[in-house]
Protein backbone atom coordinates (compact mmCIF):
# COMPACT_ATOMS: atom_id res chain seq x y z
CA UNK A 1 10.75 -8.39 -28.76
CA UNK A 2 10.21 -6.79 -25.34
CA UNK A 3 7.39 -9.09 -24.25
CA UNK A 4 9.80 -12.05 -24.25
CA UNK A 5 12.04 -10.35 -21.71
CA UNK A 6 10.66 -9.58 -18.27
CA UNK A 7 12.47 -6.38 -17.35
CA UNK A 8 12.37 -5.37 -13.69
CA UNK A 9 11.23 -1.81 -12.96
CA UNK A 10 10.44 0.17 -9.80
CA UNK A 11 7.43 2.44 -9.37
CA UNK A 12 8.36 4.69 -6.45
CA UNK A 13 5.54 6.39 -4.54
CA UNK A 14 6.90 7.28 -1.10
CA UNK A 15 3.75 9.03 0.12
CA UNK A 16 1.10 7.09 -1.84
CA UNK A 17 0.87 3.43 -0.87
CA UNK A 18 -0.60 1.50 -3.84
CA UNK A 19 -1.77 -1.33 -1.56
CA UNK A 20 -3.66 0.86 0.92
CA UNK A 21 -7.44 1.26 0.93
CA UNK A 22 -8.43 4.27 -1.13
CA UNK A 23 -10.23 6.90 0.93
CA UNK A 24 -7.84 6.81 3.88
CA UNK A 25 -6.09 10.05 4.71
CA UNK A 26 -4.18 11.45 1.71
CA UNK A 27 -4.98 8.27 -0.24
CA UNK A 28 -6.54 9.08 -3.57
CA UNK A 29 -5.72 9.42 -7.26
CA UNK A 30 -1.97 8.91 -6.93
CA UNK A 31 -2.42 5.61 -5.09
CA UNK A 32 -4.88 4.40 -7.73
CA UNK A 33 -2.59 5.48 -10.58
CA UNK A 34 0.48 3.67 -9.23
CA UNK A 35 -1.47 0.51 -8.39
CA UNK A 36 -3.36 0.26 -11.68
CA UNK A 37 -0.32 1.16 -13.79
CA UNK A 38 1.64 -1.49 -11.88
CA UNK A 39 -1.03 -4.14 -12.44
CA UNK A 40 -1.33 -3.32 -16.15
CA UNK A 41 2.45 -3.19 -16.75
CA UNK A 42 2.81 -6.59 -15.07
CA UNK A 43 0.23 -8.03 -17.48
CA UNK A 44 2.37 -6.71 -20.35
CA UNK A 45 5.38 -8.65 -19.09
CA UNK A 46 7.25 -6.26 -16.80
CA UNK A 47 8.43 -7.36 -13.36
CA UNK A 48 6.94 -4.52 -11.30
CA UNK A 49 7.97 -3.52 -7.79
CA UNK A 50 5.93 -0.66 -6.28
CA UNK A 51 7.91 0.91 -3.43
CA UNK A 52 6.36 3.08 -0.72
CA UNK A 53 6.95 3.89 2.96
CA UNK A 54 5.58 1.88 5.85
CA UNK A 55 2.98 3.98 7.68
CA UNK A 56 1.73 1.44 10.23
CA UNK A 57 3.38 -1.36 12.28
CA UNK A 58 0.59 -3.73 11.19
CA UNK A 59 1.36 -3.36 7.48
CA UNK A 60 3.04 -6.24 5.67
CA UNK A 61 6.52 -5.47 4.36
CA UNK A 62 5.68 -7.05 1.00
CA UNK A 63 2.26 -7.47 -0.64
CA UNK A 64 2.25 -9.81 -3.65
CA UNK A 65 -0.52 -8.68 -6.02
CA UNK A 66 0.28 -11.04 -8.90
CA UNK A 67 3.28 -13.14 -9.99
CA UNK A 68 4.87 -10.07 -11.63
CA UNK A 69 3.63 -7.29 -9.34
CA UNK A 70 4.20 -6.51 -5.65
CA UNK A 71 4.16 -3.60 -3.20
CA UNK A 72 7.26 -3.18 -1.02
CA UNK A 73 7.07 -1.01 2.09
CA UNK A 74 10.34 0.52 3.30
CA UNK A 75 11.16 2.30 6.55
CA UNK A 76 11.18 6.08 6.30
CA UNK A 77 10.54 7.65 9.67
CA UNK A 78 8.23 6.17 12.32
CA UNK A 79 5.65 3.60 11.13
CA UNK A 80 2.74 6.02 11.39
CA UNK A 81 0.85 8.45 9.17
CA UNK A 82 2.96 11.51 8.32
CA UNK A 83 1.51 14.27 6.14
CA UNK A 84 3.20 14.95 2.80
CA UNK A 85 4.48 18.33 3.92
CA UNK A 86 6.41 16.69 6.77
CA UNK A 87 7.98 13.74 4.94
CA UNK A 88 11.00 15.34 3.27
CA UNK A 89 13.40 14.88 6.21
CA UNK A 90 12.70 11.12 6.17
CA UNK A 91 13.62 10.63 2.50
CA UNK A 92 17.36 9.90 3.09
CA UNK A 93 16.30 6.92 5.21
CA UNK A 94 14.03 5.73 2.39
CA UNK A 95 17.01 5.85 0.01
CA UNK A 96 19.18 3.83 2.41
CA UNK A 97 16.42 1.23 2.78
CA UNK A 98 15.95 1.14 -0.99
CA UNK A 99 19.66 0.40 -1.48
CA UNK A 100 19.56 -2.24 1.25
CA UNK A 101 16.57 -3.89 -0.42
CA UNK A 102 18.37 -4.00 -3.78
CA UNK A 103 21.38 -5.59 -2.08
CA UNK A 104 19.22 -8.19 -0.33
CA UNK A 105 17.44 -9.07 -3.58
CA UNK A 106 20.69 -9.29 -5.55
CA UNK A 107 19.77 -6.87 -8.37
CA UNK A 108 19.69 -3.21 -9.28
CA UNK A 109 16.80 -1.52 -11.02
CA UNK A 110 17.72 -0.06 -14.40
CA UNK A 111 14.51 2.01 -14.66
CA UNK A 112 12.43 3.76 -12.01
CA UNK A 113 9.17 5.66 -12.43
CA UNK A 114 8.77 8.15 -9.59
CA UNK A 115 5.46 9.69 -8.48
CA UNK A 116 4.97 13.09 -6.79
CA UNK A 117 7.78 15.51 -5.98
CA UNK A 118 8.99 13.69 -2.87
CA UNK A 119 9.70 10.56 -4.91
CA UNK A 120 11.33 12.61 -7.67
CA UNK A 121 13.94 13.78 -5.13
CA UNK A 122 14.52 10.15 -4.11
CA UNK A 123 14.99 9.19 -7.75
CA UNK A 124 17.40 12.02 -8.51
CA UNK A 125 19.50 11.07 -5.47
CA UNK A 126 19.50 7.40 -6.52
CA UNK A 127 20.74 8.42 -9.99
CA UNK A 128 23.84 9.86 -8.31
CA UNK A 129 24.53 6.48 -6.72
CA UNK A 130 23.84 4.05 -9.57
CA UNK A 131 23.13 4.10 -13.32
CA UNK A 132 19.40 4.17 -13.96
CA UNK A 133 16.69 5.74 -16.09
CA UNK A 134 14.19 7.96 -14.30
CA UNK A 135 10.66 8.67 -15.53
CA UNK A 136 8.48 10.94 -13.40
CA UNK A 137 4.79 11.80 -12.96
CA UNK A 138 4.07 14.91 -10.85
CA UNK A 139 0.39 14.24 -9.90
CA UNK A 140 0.26 17.88 -8.81
CA UNK A 141 2.51 20.87 -9.32
CA UNK A 142 3.49 23.13 -6.44
CA UNK A 143 3.69 26.04 -8.90
CA UNK A 144 -0.05 25.63 -9.56
CA UNK A 145 -1.18 24.45 -6.14
CA UNK A 146 0.39 27.34 -4.19
CA UNK A 147 -1.39 29.90 -6.36
CA UNK A 148 -4.77 28.64 -5.13
CA UNK A 149 -4.15 28.51 -1.36
CA UNK A 150 -3.44 31.20 1.23
CA UNK A 151 -1.59 29.08 3.82
CA UNK A 152 1.53 28.14 1.82
CA UNK A 153 3.59 25.58 3.82
CA UNK A 154 7.23 26.05 4.81
CA UNK A 155 8.23 23.17 2.50
CA UNK A 156 7.03 25.12 -0.56
CA UNK A 157 10.44 26.58 -1.45
CA UNK A 158 12.03 23.12 -1.31
CA UNK A 159 9.24 21.58 -3.38
CA UNK A 160 9.40 24.20 -6.13
CA UNK A 161 13.18 23.77 -6.42
CA UNK A 162 12.91 19.97 -6.59
CA UNK A 163 10.14 20.09 -9.21
CA UNK A 164 12.25 22.39 -11.40
CA UNK A 165 15.35 20.20 -11.03
CA UNK A 166 13.26 17.13 -11.83
CA UNK A 167 11.86 18.50 -15.08
CA UNK A 168 15.29 19.67 -16.20
CA UNK A 169 17.28 16.54 -15.35
CA UNK A 170 15.26 13.28 -15.37
CA UNK A 171 15.04 11.23 -18.55
CA UNK A 172 11.36 11.97 -19.15
CA UNK A 173 8.45 13.58 -17.31
CA UNK A 174 4.98 12.19 -18.05
CA UNK A 175 2.25 14.85 -18.28
CA UNK A 176 -1.24 13.42 -17.81
CA UNK A 177 -2.99 16.15 -19.83
CA UNK A 178 -2.11 18.89 -22.34
CA UNK A 179 -2.99 21.43 -19.65
CA UNK A 180 -0.49 19.93 -17.20
CA UNK A 181 2.17 19.90 -19.91
CA UNK A 182 1.54 23.60 -20.55
CA UNK A 183 1.77 24.37 -16.82
CA UNK A 184 5.14 22.60 -16.67
CA UNK A 185 6.51 24.67 -19.53
CA UNK A 186 5.10 28.01 -18.39
CA UNK A 187 5.45 27.70 -14.60
CA UNK A 188 8.29 25.22 -13.99
CA UNK A 189 10.90 25.18 -16.77
CA UNK A 190 11.32 25.41 -20.55
CA UNK A 191 13.95 22.65 -20.36
CA UNK A 192 13.54 18.88 -20.10
CA UNK A 193 11.71 16.08 -21.90
CA UNK A 194 7.92 15.73 -21.56
CA UNK A 195 5.63 13.04 -22.96
CA UNK A 196 1.84 13.27 -22.66
CA UNK A 197 0.25 10.01 -21.44
CA UNK A 198 -3.12 10.34 -19.66
CA UNK A 199 -4.31 8.51 -16.57
CA UNK A 200 -6.71 5.60 -16.99
CA UNK A 201 -9.68 3.88 -15.44
CA UNK A 202 -11.01 0.34 -15.15
CA UNK A 203 -13.49 0.20 -18.02
CA UNK A 204 -14.56 -3.31 -16.99
CA UNK A 205 -15.34 -2.42 -13.37
CA UNK A 206 -17.17 0.81 -14.25
CA UNK A 207 -20.02 0.81 -16.75
CA UNK A 208 -21.44 -2.69 -16.33
CA UNK A 209 -24.26 -1.65 -13.97
CA UNK A 210 -27.50 0.02 -15.10
CA UNK A 211 -28.94 2.99 -13.23
CA UNK A 212 -32.04 1.03 -12.18
CA UNK A 213 -30.01 -1.91 -10.80
CA UNK A 214 -27.65 0.45 -8.95
CA UNK A 215 -30.53 2.34 -7.35
CA UNK A 216 -32.25 -0.84 -6.27
CA UNK A 217 -28.98 -2.03 -4.67
CA UNK A 218 -28.50 1.29 -2.81
CA UNK A 219 -32.14 1.77 -1.85
CA UNK A 220 -32.56 4.88 -3.99
CA UNK A 221 -35.94 5.65 -5.55
CA UNK A 222 -36.16 5.13 -9.35
CA UNK A 223 -37.33 8.73 -9.89
CA UNK A 224 -34.79 10.38 -7.54
CA UNK A 225 -32.51 13.13 -8.82
CA UNK A 226 -29.03 12.28 -7.52
CA UNK A 227 -26.03 14.64 -7.48
CA UNK A 228 -22.85 12.79 -6.53
CA UNK A 229 -19.44 13.84 -5.20
CA UNK A 230 -16.66 11.29 -4.72
CA UNK A 231 -13.27 12.12 -3.23
CA UNK A 232 -11.26 13.24 -0.26
CA UNK A 233 -12.39 15.94 2.14
CA UNK A 234 -9.93 18.70 1.29
CA UNK A 235 -10.66 22.40 0.81
CA UNK A 236 -9.02 22.32 -2.61
CA UNK A 237 -11.57 19.72 -3.74
CA UNK A 238 -14.25 22.45 -3.70
CA UNK A 239 -16.96 20.52 -1.85
CA UNK A 240 -18.21 23.76 -0.32
CA UNK A 241 -18.88 25.12 -3.82
CA UNK A 242 -20.97 22.03 -4.60
CA UNK A 243 -22.99 22.27 -1.38
CA UNK A 244 -23.74 25.94 -2.00
CA UNK A 245 -24.63 25.14 -5.63
CA UNK A 246 -27.14 22.52 -4.47
CA UNK A 247 -28.67 25.14 -2.17
CA UNK A 248 -29.19 27.36 -5.25
CA UNK A 249 -30.56 24.57 -7.47
CA UNK A 250 -34.07 25.02 -8.84
CA UNK A 251 -34.72 21.44 -7.64
CA UNK A 252 -34.00 22.30 -4.02
CA UNK A 253 -36.96 21.44 -1.85
CA UNK A 254 -38.22 18.66 -4.10
CA UNK A 255 -38.69 15.42 -2.19
CA UNK A 256 -36.64 13.29 -4.59
CA UNK A 257 -33.63 15.63 -4.97
CA UNK A 258 -30.52 14.40 -3.14
CA UNK A 259 -26.83 15.26 -2.77
CA UNK A 260 -24.59 12.26 -1.99
CA UNK A 261 -21.08 13.03 -0.71
CA UNK A 262 -18.87 9.93 -0.81
CA UNK A 263 -15.39 9.61 0.66
CA UNK A 264 -13.42 10.41 3.78
CA UNK A 265 -11.47 8.62 6.48
CA UNK A 266 -11.60 8.59 10.27
CA UNK A 267 -12.86 11.54 12.36
CA UNK A 268 -10.14 13.77 13.79
CA UNK A 269 -7.75 13.49 10.85
CA UNK A 270 -7.29 16.48 8.56
CA UNK A 271 -9.97 15.33 6.13
CA UNK A 272 -12.26 14.58 9.10
CA UNK A 273 -11.91 18.22 10.11
CA UNK A 274 -12.91 19.31 6.59
CA UNK A 275 -15.83 16.87 6.65
CA UNK A 276 -17.08 18.51 9.86
CA UNK A 277 -16.75 21.95 8.22
CA UNK A 278 -18.77 20.80 5.21
CA UNK A 279 -21.40 19.24 7.49
CA UNK A 280 -21.78 22.56 9.31
CA UNK A 281 -22.35 24.34 5.96
CA UNK A 282 -24.98 21.74 5.05
CA UNK A 283 -26.73 22.51 8.36
CA UNK A 284 -26.36 26.26 7.92
CA UNK A 285 -28.03 26.05 4.48
CA UNK A 286 -30.79 23.76 5.71
CA UNK A 287 -29.79 20.87 3.45
CA UNK A 288 -29.65 18.05 6.05
CA UNK A 289 -32.78 16.37 4.70
CA UNK A 290 -31.42 16.09 1.15
CA UNK A 291 -27.71 15.42 1.87
CA UNK A 292 -26.17 12.01 2.56
CA UNK A 293 -22.58 11.52 3.73
CA UNK A 294 -21.97 8.04 2.36
CA UNK A 295 -18.52 7.60 3.92
CA UNK A 296 -15.63 5.74 2.32
CA UNK A 297 -16.72 3.91 -0.83
CA UNK A 298 -14.63 0.83 -1.54
CA UNK A 299 -14.22 -0.88 -4.91
CA UNK A 300 -17.20 -3.17 -4.35
CA UNK A 301 -19.75 -0.38 -3.83
CA UNK A 302 -18.28 2.63 -5.70
CA UNK A 303 -19.43 1.47 -9.19
CA UNK A 304 -23.03 1.35 -7.91
CA UNK A 305 -22.89 4.98 -6.70
CA UNK A 306 -21.51 6.22 -10.02
CA UNK A 307 -24.16 4.28 -11.94
CA UNK A 308 -26.99 5.49 -9.68
CA UNK A 309 -26.18 9.19 -10.08
CA UNK A 310 -27.74 11.59 -12.58
CA UNK A 311 -24.61 13.72 -12.50
CA UNK A 312 -21.19 13.49 -10.85
CA UNK A 313 -19.66 16.80 -9.79
CA UNK A 314 -15.90 17.45 -9.60
CA UNK A 315 -15.65 21.02 -8.21
CA UNK A 316 -11.88 21.05 -7.56
CA UNK A 317 -9.95 24.32 -7.39
CA UNK A 318 -7.14 22.53 -9.25
CA UNK A 319 -6.87 19.02 -10.66
CA UNK A 320 -3.86 17.83 -12.72
CA UNK A 321 -6.02 15.07 -14.22
CA UNK A 322 -9.01 13.98 -12.11
CA UNK A 323 -9.60 10.22 -11.94
CA UNK A 324 -13.11 10.62 -10.51
CA UNK A 325 -14.23 12.33 -13.71
CA UNK A 326 -13.26 9.41 -15.95
CA UNK A 327 -14.58 6.82 -13.46
CA UNK A 328 -17.97 8.53 -13.64
CA UNK A 329 -17.73 8.85 -17.43
CA UNK A 330 -16.90 5.14 -17.73
CA UNK A 331 -20.07 4.52 -15.69
CA UNK A 332 -22.15 6.44 -18.30
CA UNK A 333 -22.72 9.30 -15.86
CA UNK A 334 -22.19 12.86 -17.14
CA UNK A 335 -19.78 15.11 -15.26
CA UNK A 336 -19.97 18.73 -14.16
CA UNK A 337 -16.44 19.86 -13.36
CA UNK A 338 -14.31 22.92 -12.78
CA UNK A 339 -12.68 24.20 -15.95
CA UNK A 340 -9.19 23.76 -14.52
CA UNK A 341 -6.17 21.56 -15.24
CA UNK A 342 -6.77 18.11 -16.68
CA UNK A 343 -10.55 18.37 -16.24
CA UNK A 344 -10.52 20.59 -19.33
CA UNK A 345 -9.04 17.59 -21.18
CA UNK A 346 -11.13 14.73 -19.80
CA UNK A 347 -14.55 16.43 -19.83
CA UNK A 348 -15.74 17.61 -23.25
CA UNK A 349 -18.29 20.43 -22.72
CA UNK A 350 -21.76 19.70 -24.15
CA UNK A 351 -20.55 16.19 -25.19
CA UNK A 352 -19.65 14.27 -22.00
CA UNK A 353 -20.71 16.88 -19.43
CA UNK A 354 -20.27 20.55 -18.58
CA UNK A 355 -17.50 22.77 -17.20
CA UNK A 356 -17.90 25.69 -14.78
CA UNK A 357 -15.49 28.22 -13.25
CA UNK A 358 -14.02 26.97 -9.94
CA UNK A 359 -15.66 28.35 -6.77
CA UNK A 360 -18.62 29.63 -8.86
CA UNK A 361 -21.63 28.13 -7.10
CA UNK A 362 -24.12 29.87 -9.40
CA UNK A 363 -22.50 28.39 -12.52
CA UNK A 364 -22.34 24.93 -10.93
CA UNK A 365 -26.01 25.13 -9.93
CA UNK A 366 -26.98 26.07 -13.50
CA UNK A 367 -24.91 23.23 -14.99
CA UNK A 368 -26.34 20.65 -12.60
CA UNK A 369 -29.88 21.82 -13.29
CA UNK A 370 -29.39 21.66 -17.09
CA UNK A 371 -28.47 17.98 -16.94
CA UNK A 372 -31.08 16.92 -14.38
CA UNK A 373 -33.86 18.77 -16.26
CA UNK A 374 -33.39 16.60 -19.36
CA UNK A 375 -33.07 12.82 -18.71
CA UNK A 376 -32.71 12.12 -22.43
CA UNK A 377 -29.79 14.57 -22.74
CA UNK A 378 -28.31 13.15 -19.53
CA UNK A 379 -28.31 9.69 -21.11
CA UNK A 380 -26.86 11.04 -24.37
CA UNK A 381 -24.00 12.69 -22.46
CA UNK A 382 -23.46 9.48 -20.49
CA UNK A 383 -23.16 7.32 -23.62
CA UNK A 384 -20.66 9.72 -25.19
CA UNK A 385 -18.71 9.80 -21.91
CA UNK A 386 -18.46 5.99 -21.91
CA UNK A 387 -17.23 5.96 -25.51
CA UNK A 388 -14.56 8.54 -24.68
CA UNK A 389 -13.18 6.48 -21.79
CA UNK A 390 -13.13 3.28 -23.85
CA UNK A 391 -11.11 4.97 -26.59
CA UNK A 392 -8.72 7.13 -24.57
CA UNK A 393 -8.61 6.17 -20.89
CA UNK A 394 -8.28 2.43 -20.26
CA UNK A 395 -5.42 1.36 -17.97
CA UNK A 396 -4.28 -1.04 -20.69
CA UNK A 397 -3.79 1.85 -23.15
CA UNK A 398 -1.88 3.83 -20.49
CA UNK A 399 0.40 0.86 -19.74
CA UNK A 400 0.91 0.19 -23.45
CA UNK A 401 2.08 3.78 -24.02
CA UNK A 402 4.31 3.66 -20.94
CA UNK A 403 5.78 0.39 -22.25
CA UNK A 404 6.76 2.14 -25.47
CA UNK A 405 8.35 4.99 -23.49
CA UNK A 406 10.26 2.69 -21.13
CA UNK A 407 11.43 0.43 -23.97
CA UNK A 408 12.68 3.39 -26.00
CA UNK A 409 14.56 4.88 -23.05
CA UNK A 410 16.14 1.51 -22.18
CA UNK A 411 17.19 0.99 -25.82
CA UNK A 412 18.69 4.50 -25.99
CA UNK A 413 20.57 3.89 -22.75
CA UNK A 414 21.94 0.56 -24.01
CA UNK A 415 22.96 2.18 -27.29
CA UNK A 416 24.74 5.03 -25.51
CA UNK A 417 26.61 2.62 -23.24
CA UNK A 418 27.89 0.73 -26.31
CA UNK A 419 28.99 3.89 -28.12
CA UNK A 420 32.78 4.42 -28.21
CA UNK A 421 34.01 7.19 -25.95
CA UNK A 422 35.41 10.16 -27.85
CA UNK A 423 39.14 10.64 -27.49
């Protein structure tokens, strides 16, 4: 049986370091996914190497998370932050360093799981150089993303071509929601193998804290009405929609009504610029007295914020899955989210929260008010949300399903290699 054989696999995430602190620039859901999947796969018996690029001279080359799981940082361009749209030219160096690492370690990976389009290109190039199985998770699709922004980057043409080649040629692409799977088929290619396996959340870390305990810890009044946002400062995250919705809320002006915006990195970086823009909108709308910018929320404090909130809002313009939504749900906090992408899968309207059209501040205000108005319904939604995460979205269940996929692909590969070659 598989568990008796520790098979070595590589999770490749060039642009998303699984060992970095979440909340730093361009560090979000992808980093969490790779790290938590790596941890959970290691517990199931895999030898997991998570490979990323070194983005600072101070970073350790290897971080050992557990006996079976480690992060390996390879050289790919200067050891400094480089935005995703400017990383492509450094990928050949990443491949060379990957091959050098394999040689130094004295083994070759037989299966790699790549994450985001940059890593998919790395994987497809590696497949030309050695026999291996490639599984891929997109995390976001250029074909969807570029429809929602006006300033399409120069790299867009390259990205769209790579994403199409990936779907058509790798051994299997993992869709994290039915909506993402549909987008792949309609917008990317009708060819290729897709398996639907959702993202997960830590159901032990989230959900163990009561609202009253969380509020006492954070210094929030027991009767306060708290609207929470957690995530990066990025225009596509729709924070402006949330701020304008709060300005239209029927609770605006009440002394105990508060918007808490959690997340962000250092001032001056791209998300710092967006934070400043959001802060100026808060000022323009006269919401300074009821808005708190909580800053980066690490793993020790984040569960308290989720538990303290009456409602968590995910107003993204596009979200392939949306980890924040299921973290809040695991914390028994109902979610108001945009009815886009994977949020349509994770949030069940009228059962675990409410959905609203993206960029529609009036609809978001109405949804927020509905939940805050009825504490008993809020709690009912929260309990159902917790049950949904326990059943469908634990990291263990994600890793278990990935284990089945990997094991099947490895068995098929071994079978094919033993098959006699036709004359």
